[in-house]
Amino acid sequence: FTLAVNDRFQATITSGQTEYQVNGV
């Protein structure tokens, strides 16, 4: 899986065709 975080601490978790967005701190 791949985890990417933007400047607003929002994480995008990607695996195959599945993508989650999770709010971080």
mmCIF file of all heavy atoms, coordinates in Angstrom:
data_MODEL
# 
_entry.id   MODEL 
# 
loop_
_atom_site.group_PDB 
_atom_site.id 
_atom_site.type_symbol 
_atom_site.label_atom_id 
_atom_site.label_alt_id 
_atom_site.label_comp_id 
_atom_site.label_asym_id 
_atom_site.label_entity_id 
_atom_site.label_seq_id 
_atom_site.pdbx_PDB_ins_code 
_atom_site.Cartn_x 
_atom_site.Cartn_y 
_atom_site.Cartn_z 
_atom_site.occupancy 
_atom_site.B_iso_or_equiv 
_atom_site.pdbx_formal_charge 
_atom_site.auth_seq_id 
_atom_site.auth_comp_id 
_atom_site.auth_asym_id 
_atom_site.auth_atom_id 
_atom_site.pdbx_PDB_model_num 
ATOM 1   N N   . PHE A 1 1  ? 0.852   -1.191 0.000   1.00 0.00 ? 1  PHE A N   1 
ATOM 2   C CA  . PHE A 1 1  ? 0.000   0.000  0.000   1.00 0.00 ? 1  PHE A CA  1 
ATOM 3   C C   . PHE A 1 1  ? 0.886   1.239  0.000   1.00 0.00 ? 1  PHE A C   1 
ATOM 4   O O   . PHE A 1 1  ? 2.066   1.186  0.371   1.00 0.00 ? 1  PHE A O   1 
ATOM 5   C CB  . PHE A 1 1  ? -0.962  0.019  1.195   1.00 0.00 ? 1  PHE A CB  1 
ATOM 6   C CG  . PHE A 1 1  ? -0.312  0.293  2.521   1.00 0.00 ? 1  PHE A CG  1 
ATOM 7   C CD1 . PHE A 1 1  ? -0.178  1.592  3.020   1.00 0.00 ? 1  PHE A CD1 1 
ATOM 8   C CD2 . PHE A 1 1  ? 0.175   -0.749 3.301   1.00 0.00 ? 1  PHE A CD2 1 
ATOM 9   C CE1 . PHE A 1 1  ? 0.412   1.842  4.240   1.00 0.00 ? 1  PHE A CE1 1 
ATOM 10  C CE2 . PHE A 1 1  ? 0.786   -0.507 4.526   1.00 0.00 ? 1  PHE A CE2 1 
ATOM 11  C CZ  . PHE A 1 1  ? 0.904   0.786  5.001   1.00 0.00 ? 1  PHE A CZ  1 
ATOM 12  N N   . THR A 1 2  ? 0.311   2.345  -0.419  1.00 0.00 ? 2  THR A N   1 
ATOM 13  C CA  . THR A 1 2  ? 1.000   3.628  -0.444  1.00 0.00 ? 2  THR A CA  1 
ATOM 14  C C   . THR A 1 2  ? 0.272   4.604  0.464   1.00 0.00 ? 2  THR A C   1 
ATOM 15  O O   . THR A 1 2  ? -0.963  4.673  0.444   1.00 0.00 ? 2  THR A O   1 
ATOM 16  C CB  . THR A 1 2  ? 1.065   4.204  -1.867  1.00 0.00 ? 2  THR A CB  1 
ATOM 17  O OG1 . THR A 1 2  ? 1.789   3.299  -2.697  1.00 0.00 ? 2  THR A OG1 1 
ATOM 18  C CG2 . THR A 1 2  ? 1.757   5.564  -1.891  1.00 0.00 ? 2  THR A CG2 1 
ATOM 19  N N   . LEU A 1 3  ? 1.019   5.336  1.276   1.00 0.00 ? 3  LEU A N   1 
ATOM 20  C CA  . LEU A 1 3  ? 0.435   6.351  2.142   1.00 0.00 ? 3  LEU A CA  1 
ATOM 21  C C   . LEU A 1 3  ? 1.062   7.690  1.793   1.00 0.00 ? 3  LEU A C   1 
ATOM 22  O O   . LEU A 1 3  ? 2.284   7.839  1.802   1.00 0.00 ? 3  LEU A O   1 
ATOM 23  C CB  . LEU A 1 3  ? 0.680   6.017  3.622   1.00 0.00 ? 3  LEU A CB  1 
ATOM 24  C CG  . LEU A 1 3  ? -0.107  6.858  4.648   1.00 0.00 ? 3  LEU A CG  1 
ATOM 25  C CD1 . LEU A 1 3  ? -0.359  6.050  5.917   1.00 0.00 ? 3  LEU A CD1 1 
ATOM 26  C CD2 . LEU A 1 3  ? 0.634   8.138  5.029   1.00 0.00 ? 3  LEU A CD2 1 
ATOM 27  N N   . ALA A 1 4  ? 0.206   8.654  1.441   1.00 0.00 ? 4  ALA A N   1 
ATOM 28  C CA  . ALA A 1 4  ? 0.663   10.002 1.092   1.00 0.00 ? 4  ALA A CA  1 
ATOM 29  C C   . ALA A 1 4  ? -0.045  11.013 1.982   1.00 0.00 ? 4  ALA A C   1 
ATOM 30  O O   . ALA A 1 4  ? -1.244  10.881 2.262   1.00 0.00 ? 4  ALA A O   1 
ATOM 31  C CB  . ALA A 1 4  ? 0.377   10.304 -0.380  1.00 0.00 ? 4  ALA A CB  1 
ATOM 32  N N   . VAL A 1 5  ? 0.671   12.046 2.427   1.00 0.00 ? 5  VAL A N   1 
ATOM 33  C CA  . VAL A 1 5  ? 0.119   13.052 3.333   1.00 0.00 ? 5  VAL A CA  1 
ATOM 34  C C   . VAL A 1 5  ? 0.331   14.429 2.725   1.00 0.00 ? 5  VAL A C   1 
ATOM 35  O O   . VAL A 1 5  ? 1.434   14.756 2.268   1.00 0.00 ? 5  VAL A O   1 
ATOM 36  C CB  . VAL A 1 5  ? 0.806   12.972 4.715   1.00 0.00 ? 5  VAL A CB  1 
ATOM 37  C CG1 . VAL A 1 5  ? 0.275   14.063 5.648   1.00 0.00 ? 5  VAL A CG1 1 
ATOM 38  C CG2 . VAL A 1 5  ? 0.590   11.596 5.342   1.00 0.00 ? 5  VAL A CG2 1 
ATOM 39  N N   . ASN A 1 6  ? -0.731  15.258 2.727   1.00 0.00 ? 6  ASN A N   1 
ATOM 40  C CA  . ASN A 1 6  ? -0.596  16.617 2.197   1.00 0.00 ? 6  ASN A CA  1 
ATOM 41  C C   . ASN A 1 6  ? -0.290  17.614 3.318   1.00 0.00 ? 6  ASN A C   1 
ATOM 42  O O   . ASN A 1 6  ? -0.140  17.233 4.487   1.00 0.00 ? 6  ASN A O   1 
ATOM 43  C CB  . ASN A 1 6  ? -1.854  17.022 1.419   1.00 0.00 ? 6  ASN A CB  1 
ATOM 44  C CG  . ASN A 1 6  ? -3.105  17.074 2.303   1.00 0.00 ? 6  ASN A CG  1 
ATOM 45  O OD1 . ASN A 1 6  ? -3.023  17.213 3.524   1.00 0.00 ? 6  ASN A OD1 1 
ATOM 46  N ND2 . ASN A 1 6  ? -4.269  16.973 1.679   1.00 0.00 ? 6  ASN A ND2 1 
ATOM 47  N N   . ASP A 1 7  ? -0.237  18.875 2.985   1.00 0.00 ? 7  ASP A N   1 
ATOM 48  C CA  . ASP A 1 7  ? 0.144   19.909 3.947   1.00 0.00 ? 7  ASP A CA  1 
ATOM 49  C C   . ASP A 1 7  ? -0.884  20.112 5.048   1.00 0.00 ? 7  ASP A C   1 
ATOM 50  O O   . ASP A 1 7  ? -0.581  20.710 6.085   1.00 0.00 ? 7  ASP A O   1 
ATOM 51  C CB  . ASP A 1 7  ? 0.374   21.248 3.223   1.00 0.00 ? 7  ASP A CB  1 
ATOM 52  C CG  . ASP A 1 7  ? 1.578   21.196 2.289   1.00 0.00 ? 7  ASP A CG  1 
ATOM 53  O OD1 . ASP A 1 7  ? 2.438   20.311 2.507   1.00 0.00 ? 7  ASP A OD1 1 
ATOM 54  O OD2 . ASP A 1 7  ? 1.648   22.022 1.362   1.00 0.00 ? 7  ASP A OD2 1 
ATOM 55  N N   . ARG A 1 8  ? -2.111  19.641 4.822   1.00 0.00 ? 8  ARG A N   1 
ATOM 56  C CA  . ARG A 1 8  ? -3.175  19.795 5.823   1.00 0.00 ? 8  ARG A CA  1 
ATOM 57  C C   . ARG A 1 8  ? -3.318  18.535 6.683   1.00 0.00 ? 8  ARG A C   1 
ATOM 58  O O   . ARG A 1 8  ? -4.321  18.363 7.367   1.00 0.00 ? 8  ARG A O   1 
ATOM 59  C CB  . ARG A 1 8  ? -4.500  20.118 5.131   1.00 0.00 ? 8  ARG A CB  1 
ATOM 60  C CG  . ARG A 1 8  ? -4.480  21.417 4.335   1.00 0.00 ? 8  ARG A CG  1 
ATOM 61  C CD  . ARG A 1 8  ? -5.847  21.767 3.776   1.00 0.00 ? 8  ARG A CD  1 
ATOM 62  N NE  . ARG A 1 8  ? -6.382  20.718 2.919   1.00 0.00 ? 8  ARG A NE  1 
ATOM 63  C CZ  . ARG A 1 8  ? -6.050  20.554 1.635   1.00 0.00 ? 8  ARG A CZ  1 
ATOM 64  N NH1 . ARG A 1 8  ? -5.174  21.376 1.063   1.00 0.00 ? 8  ARG A NH1 1 
ATOM 65  N NH2 . ARG A 1 8  ? -6.590  19.585 0.918   1.00 0.00 ? 8  ARG A NH2 1 
ATOM 66  N N   . PHE A 1 9  ? -2.326  17.662 6.619   1.00 0.00 ? 9  PHE A N   1 
ATOM 67  C CA  . PHE A 1 9  ? -2.293  16.413 7.382   1.00 0.00 ? 9  PHE A CA  1 
ATOM 68  C C   . PHE A 1 9  ? -3.481  15.512 7.064   1.00 0.00 ? 9  PHE A C   1 
ATOM 69  O O   . PHE A 1 9  ? -4.055  14.874 7.943   1.00 0.00 ? 9  PHE A O   1 
ATOM 70  C CB  . PHE A 1 9  ? -2.192  16.689 8.889   1.00 0.00 ? 9  PHE A CB  1 
ATOM 71  C CG  . PHE A 1 9  ? -0.942  17.438 9.255   1.00 0.00 ? 9  PHE A CG  1 
ATOM 72  C CD1 . PHE A 1 9  ? -1.014  18.778 9.590   1.00 0.00 ? 9  PHE A CD1 1 
ATOM 73  C CD2 . PHE A 1 9  ? 0.299   16.833 9.225   1.00 0.00 ? 9  PHE A CD2 1 
ATOM 74  C CE1 . PHE A 1 9  ? 0.138   19.501 9.906   1.00 0.00 ? 9  PHE A CE1 1 
ATOM 75  C CE2 . PHE A 1 9  ? 1.451   17.551 9.527   1.00 0.00 ? 9  PHE A CE2 1 
ATOM 76  C CZ  . PHE A 1 9  ? 1.385   18.873 9.874   1.00 0.00 ? 9  PHE A CZ  1 
ATOM 77  N N   . GLN A 1 10 ? -3.820  15.491 5.795   1.00 0.00 ? 10 GLN A N   1 
ATOM 78  C CA  . GLN A 1 10 ? -4.803  14.517 5.305   1.00 0.00 ? 10 GLN A CA  1 
ATOM 79  C C   . GLN A 1 10 ? -4.025  13.392 4.626   1.00 0.00 ? 10 GLN A C   1 
ATOM 80  O O   . GLN A 1 10 ? -3.195  13.631 3.743   1.00 0.00 ? 10 GLN A O   1 
ATOM 81  C CB  . GLN A 1 10 ? -5.772  15.161 4.316   1.00 0.00 ? 10 GLN A CB  1 
ATOM 82  C CG  . GLN A 1 10 ? -6.731  16.150 4.961   1.00 0.00 ? 10 GLN A CG  1 
ATOM 83  C CD  . GLN A 1 10 ? -7.635  16.810 3.934   1.00 0.00 ? 10 GLN A CD  1 
ATOM 84  O OE1 . GLN A 1 10 ? -7.175  17.174 2.854   1.00 0.00 ? 10 GLN A OE1 1 
ATOM 85  N NE2 . GLN A 1 10 ? -8.908  16.954 4.267   1.00 0.00 ? 10 GLN A NE2 1 
ATOM 86  N N   . ALA A 1 11 ? -4.309  12.161 5.030   1.00 0.00 ? 11 ALA A N   1 
ATOM 87  C CA  . ALA A 1 11 ? -3.595  11.003 4.508   1.00 0.00 ? 11 ALA A CA  1 
ATOM 88  C C   . ALA A 1 11 ? -4.433  10.295 3.457   1.00 0.00 ? 11 ALA A C   1 
ATOM 89  O O   . ALA A 1 11 ? -5.633  10.084 3.647   1.00 0.00 ? 11 ALA A O   1 
ATOM 90  C CB  . ALA A 1 11 ? -3.255  10.042 5.637   1.00 0.00 ? 11 ALA A CB  1 
ATOM 91  N N   . THR A 1 12 ? -3.799  9.936  2.351   1.00 0.00 ? 12 THR A N   1 
ATOM 92  C CA  . THR A 1 12 ? -4.444  9.136  1.321   1.00 0.00 ? 12 THR A CA  1 
ATOM 93  C C   . THR A 1 12 ? -3.764  7.769  1.300   1.00 0.00 ? 12 THR A C   1 
ATOM 94  O O   . THR A 1 12 ? -2.543  7.671  1.100   1.00 0.00 ? 12 THR A O   1 
ATOM 95  C CB  . THR A 1 12 ? -4.315  9.799  -0.061  1.00 0.00 ? 12 THR A CB  1 
ATOM 96  O OG1 . THR A 1 12 ? -4.923  11.089 -0.015  1.00 0.00 ? 12 THR A OG1 1 
ATOM 97  C CG2 . THR A 1 12 ? -4.999  8.957  -1.128  1.00 0.00 ? 12 THR A CG2 1 
ATOM 98  N N   . ILE A 1 13 ? -4.548  6.719  1.540   1.00 0.00 ? 13 ILE A N   1 
ATOM 99  C CA  . ILE A 1 13 ? -4.041  5.348  1.587   1.00 0.00 ? 13 ILE A CA  1 
ATOM 100 C C   . ILE A 1 13 ? -4.542  4.621  0.342   1.00 0.00 ? 13 ILE A C   1 
ATOM 101 O O   . ILE A 1 13 ? -5.759  4.522  0.132   1.00 0.00 ? 13 ILE A O   1 
ATOM 102 C CB  . ILE A 1 13 ? -4.517  4.624  2.865   1.00 0.00 ? 13 ILE A CB  1 
ATOM 103 C CG1 . ILE A 1 13 ? -4.103  5.431  4.108   1.00 0.00 ? 13 ILE A CG1 1 
ATOM 104 C CG2 . ILE A 1 13 ? -3.960  3.212  2.921   1.00 0.00 ? 13 ILE A CG2 1 
ATOM 105 C CD1 . ILE A 1 13 ? -4.817  5.019  5.375   1.00 0.00 ? 13 ILE A CD1 1 
ATOM 106 N N   . THR A 1 14 ? -3.615  4.118  -0.460  1.00 0.00 ? 14 THR A N   1 
ATOM 107 C CA  . THR A 1 14 ? -3.963  3.504  -1.733  1.00 0.00 ? 14 THR A CA  1 
ATOM 108 C C   . THR A 1 14 ? -3.412  2.082  -1.800  1.00 0.00 ? 14 THR A C   1 
ATOM 109 O O   . THR A 1 14 ? -2.250  1.837  -1.454  1.00 0.00 ? 14 THR A O   1 
ATOM 110 C CB  . THR A 1 14 ? -3.382  4.302  -2.910  1.00 0.00 ? 14 THR A CB  1 
ATOM 111 O OG1 . THR A 1 14 ? -3.756  5.678  -2.764  1.00 0.00 ? 14 THR A OG1 1 
ATOM 112 C CG2 . THR A 1 14 ? -3.898  3.782  -4.238  1.00 0.00 ? 14 THR A CG2 1 
ATOM 113 N N   . SER A 1 15 ? -4.280  1.165  -2.244  1.00 0.00 ? 15 SER A N   1 
ATOM 114 C CA  . SER A 1 15 ? -3.859  -0.219 -2.470  1.00 0.00 ? 15 SER A CA  1 
ATOM 115 C C   . SER A 1 15 ? -4.704  -0.778 -3.604  1.00 0.00 ? 15 SER A C   1 
ATOM 116 O O   . SER A 1 15 ? -5.922  -0.926 -3.463  1.00 0.00 ? 15 SER A O   1 
ATOM 117 C CB  . SER A 1 15 ? -4.048  -1.063 -1.200  1.00 0.00 ? 15 SER A CB  1 
ATOM 118 O OG  . SER A 1 15 ? -3.655  -2.396 -1.421  1.00 0.00 ? 15 SER A OG  1 
ATOM 119 N N   . GLY A 1 16 ? -4.060  -1.051 -4.752  1.00 0.00 ? 16 GLY A N   1 
ATOM 120 C CA  . GLY A 1 16 ? -4.824  -1.481 -5.916  1.00 0.00 ? 16 GLY A CA  1 
ATOM 121 C C   . GLY A 1 16 ? -5.801  -0.404 -6.327  1.00 0.00 ? 16 GLY A C   1 
ATOM 122 O O   . GLY A 1 16 ? -5.433  0.766  -6.506  1.00 0.00 ? 16 GLY A O   1 
ATOM 123 N N   . GLN A 1 17 ? -7.069  -0.777 -6.473  1.00 0.00 ? 17 GLN A N   1 
ATOM 124 C CA  . GLN A 1 17 ? -8.120  0.166  -6.866  1.00 0.00 ? 17 GLN A CA  1 
ATOM 125 C C   . GLN A 1 17 ? -8.796  0.829  -5.667  1.00 0.00 ? 17 GLN A C   1 
ATOM 126 O O   . GLN A 1 17 ? -9.720  1.620  -5.830  1.00 0.00 ? 17 GLN A O   1 
ATOM 127 C CB  . GLN A 1 17 ? -9.184  -0.564 -7.705  1.00 0.00 ? 17 GLN A CB  1 
ATOM 128 C CG  . GLN A 1 17 ? -8.644  -1.208 -8.969  1.00 0.00 ? 17 GLN A CG  1 
ATOM 129 C CD  . GLN A 1 17 ? -7.981  -0.180 -9.870  1.00 0.00 ? 17 GLN A CD  1 
ATOM 130 O OE1 . GLN A 1 17 ? -8.545  0.865  -10.180 1.00 0.00 ? 17 GLN A OE1 1 
ATOM 131 N NE2 . GLN A 1 17 ? -6.746  -0.482 -10.291 1.00 0.00 ? 17 GLN A NE2 1 
ATOM 132 N N   . THR A 1 18 ? -8.325  0.490  -4.453  1.00 0.00 ? 18 THR A N   1 
ATOM 133 C CA  . THR A 1 18 ? -8.939  1.025  -3.228  1.00 0.00 ? 18 THR A CA  1 
ATOM 134 C C   . THR A 1 18 ? -8.185  2.255  -2.750  1.00 0.00 ? 18 THR A C   1 
ATOM 135 O O   . THR A 1 18 ? -6.948  2.265  -2.728  1.00 0.00 ? 18 THR A O   1 
ATOM 136 C CB  . THR A 1 18 ? -8.927  -0.044 -2.117  1.00 0.00 ? 18 THR A CB  1 
ATOM 137 O OG1 . THR A 1 18 ? -9.609  -1.205 -2.585  1.00 0.00 ? 18 THR A OG1 1 
ATOM 138 C CG2 . THR A 1 18 ? -9.601  0.478  -0.856  1.00 0.00 ? 18 THR A CG2 1 
ATOM 139 N N   . GLU A 1 19 ? -8.954  3.293  -2.365  1.00 0.00 ? 19 GLU A N   1 
ATOM 140 C CA  . GLU A 1 19 ? -8.336  4.519  -1.855  1.00 0.00 ? 19 GLU A CA  1 
ATOM 141 C C   . GLU A 1 19 ? -9.128  5.048  -0.674  1.00 0.00 ? 19 GLU A C   1 
ATOM 142 O O   . GLU A 1 19 ? -10.348 5.214  -0.753  1.00 0.00 ? 19 GLU A O   1 
ATOM 143 C CB  . GLU A 1 19 ? -8.264  5.576  -2.959  1.00 0.00 ? 19 GLU A CB  1 
ATOM 144 C CG  . GLU A 1 19 ? -7.583  6.876  -2.506  1.00 0.00 ? 19 GLU A CG  1 
ATOM 145 C CD  . GLU A 1 19 ? -7.475  7.893  -3.637  1.00 0.00 ? 19 GLU A CD  1 
ATOM 146 O OE1 . GLU A 1 19 ? -6.709  7.632  -4.579  1.00 0.00 ? 19 GLU A OE1 1 
ATOM 147 O OE2 . GLU A 1 19 ? -8.174  8.926  -3.567  1.00 0.00 ? 19 GLU A OE2 1 
ATOM 148 N N   . TYR A 1 20 ? -8.442  5.261  0.423   1.00 0.00 ? 20 TYR A N   1 
ATOM 149 C CA  . TYR A 1 20 ? -9.040  5.865  1.621   1.00 0.00 ? 20 TYR A CA  1 
ATOM 150 C C   . TYR A 1 20 ? -8.413  7.231  1.844   1.00 0.00 ? 20 TYR A C   1 
ATOM 151 O O   . TYR A 1 20 ? -7.234  7.444  1.562   1.00 0.00 ? 20 TYR A O   1 
ATOM 152 C CB  . TYR A 1 20 ? -8.751  5.022  2.869   1.00 0.00 ? 20 TYR A CB  1 
ATOM 153 C CG  . TYR A 1 20 ? -9.561  3.762  3.037   1.00 0.00 ? 20 TYR A CG  1 
ATOM 154 C CD1 . TYR A 1 20 ? -9.080  2.543  2.560   1.00 0.00 ? 20 TYR A CD1 1 
ATOM 155 C CD2 . TYR A 1 20 ? -10.778 3.781  3.707   1.00 0.00 ? 20 TYR A CD2 1 
ATOM 156 C CE1 . TYR A 1 20 ? -9.801  1.375  2.747   1.00 0.00 ? 20 TYR A CE1 1 
ATOM 157 C CE2 . TYR A 1 20 ? -11.507 2.614  3.893   1.00 0.00 ? 20 TYR A CE2 1 
ATOM 158 C CZ  . TYR A 1 20 ? -11.013 1.416  3.417   1.00 0.00 ? 20 TYR A CZ  1 
ATOM 159 O OH  . TYR A 1 20 ? -11.730 0.266  3.596   1.00 0.00 ? 20 TYR A OH  1 
ATOM 160 N N   . GLN A 1 21 ? -9.215  8.128  2.377   1.00 0.00 ? 21 GLN A N   1 
ATOM 161 C CA  . GLN A 1 21 ? -8.688  9.409  2.858   1.00 0.00 ? 21 GLN A CA  1 
ATOM 162 C C   . GLN A 1 21 ? -9.013  9.529  4.344   1.00 0.00 ? 21 GLN A C   1 
ATOM 163 O O   . GLN A 1 21 ? -10.160 9.360  4.756   1.00 0.00 ? 21 GLN A O   1 
ATOM 164 C CB  . GLN A 1 21 ? -9.287  10.581 2.078   1.00 0.00 ? 21 GLN A CB  1 
ATOM 165 C CG  . GLN A 1 21 ? -8.763  10.666 0.650   1.00 0.00 ? 21 GLN A CG  1 
ATOM 166 C CD  . GLN A 1 21 ? -9.096  11.989 -0.014  1.00 0.00 ? 21 GLN A CD  1 
ATOM 167 O OE1 . GLN A 1 21 ? -10.011 12.688 0.417   1.00 0.00 ? 21 GLN A OE1 1 
ATOM 168 N NE2 . GLN A 1 21 ? -8.349  12.325 -1.061  1.00 0.00 ? 21 GLN A NE2 1 
ATOM 169 N N   . VAL A 1 22 ? -7.969  9.799  5.126   1.00 0.00 ? 22 VAL A N   1 
ATOM 170 C CA  . VAL A 1 22 ? -8.110  9.837  6.582   1.00 0.00 ? 22 VAL A CA  1 
ATOM 171 C C   . VAL A 1 22 ? -7.526  11.147 7.100   1.00 0.00 ? 22 VAL A C   1 
ATOM 172 O O   . VAL A 1 22 ? -6.420  11.547 6.699   1.00 0.00 ? 22 VAL A O   1 
ATOM 173 C CB  . VAL A 1 22 ? -7.376  8.646  7.241   1.00 0.00 ? 22 VAL A CB  1 
ATOM 174 C CG1 . VAL A 1 22 ? -7.546  8.686  8.761   1.00 0.00 ? 22 VAL A CG1 1 
ATOM 175 C CG2 . VAL A 1 22 ? -7.878  7.317  6.689   1.00 0.00 ? 22 VAL A CG2 1 
ATOM 176 N N   . ASN A 1 23 ? -8.256  11.800 7.988   1.00 0.00 ? 23 ASN A N   1 
ATOM 177 C CA  . ASN A 1 23 ? -7.771  13.036 8.601   1.00 0.00 ? 23 ASN A CA  1 
ATOM 178 C C   . ASN A 1 23 ? -6.784  12.723 9.714   1.00 0.00 ? 23 ASN A C   1 
ATOM 179 O O   . ASN A 1 23 ? -7.087  11.952 10.636  1.00 0.00 ? 23 ASN A O   1 
ATOM 180 C CB  . ASN A 1 23 ? -8.931  13.860 9.154   1.00 0.00 ? 23 ASN A CB  1 
ATOM 181 C CG  . ASN A 1 23 ? -9.850  14.360 8.058   1.00 0.00 ? 23 ASN A CG  1 
ATOM 182 O OD1 . ASN A 1 23 ? -9.392  14.642 6.948   1.00 0.00 ? 23 ASN A OD1 1 
ATOM 183 N ND2 . ASN A 1 23 ? -11.132 14.469 8.355   1.00 0.00 ? 23 ASN A ND2 1 
ATOM 184 N N   . GLY A 1 24 ? -5.609  13.329 9.633   1.00 0.00 ? 24 GLY A N   1 
ATOM 185 C CA  . GLY A 1 24 ? -4.585  13.128 10.648  1.00 0.00 ? 24 GLY A CA  1 
ATOM 186 C C   . GLY A 1 24 ? -4.390  14.345 11.514  1.00 0.00 ? 24 GLY A C   1 
ATOM 187 O O   . GLY A 1 24 ? -5.153  15.316 11.453  1.00 0.00 ? 24 GLY A O   1 
ATOM 188 N N   . VAL A 1 25 ? -3.342  14.303 12.347  1.00 0.00 ? 25 VAL A N   1 
ATOM 189 C CA  . VAL A 1 25 ? -3.044  15.363 13.306  1.00 0.00 ? 25 VAL A CA  1 
ATOM 190 C C   . VAL A 1 25 ? -1.574  15.741 13.139  1.00 0.00 ? 25 VAL A C   1 
ATOM 191 O O   . VAL A 1 25 ? -0.723  14.900 12.821  1.00 0.00 ? 25 VAL A O   1 
ATOM 192 C CB  . VAL A 1 25 ? -3.321  14.894 14.750  1.00 0.00 ? 25 VAL A CB  1 
ATOM 193 C CG1 . VAL A 1 25 ? -2.969  15.986 15.757  1.00 0.00 ? 25 VAL A CG1 1 
ATOM 194 C CG2 . VAL A 1 25 ? -4.778  14.476 14.907  1.00 0.00 ? 25 VAL A CG2 1 
# 
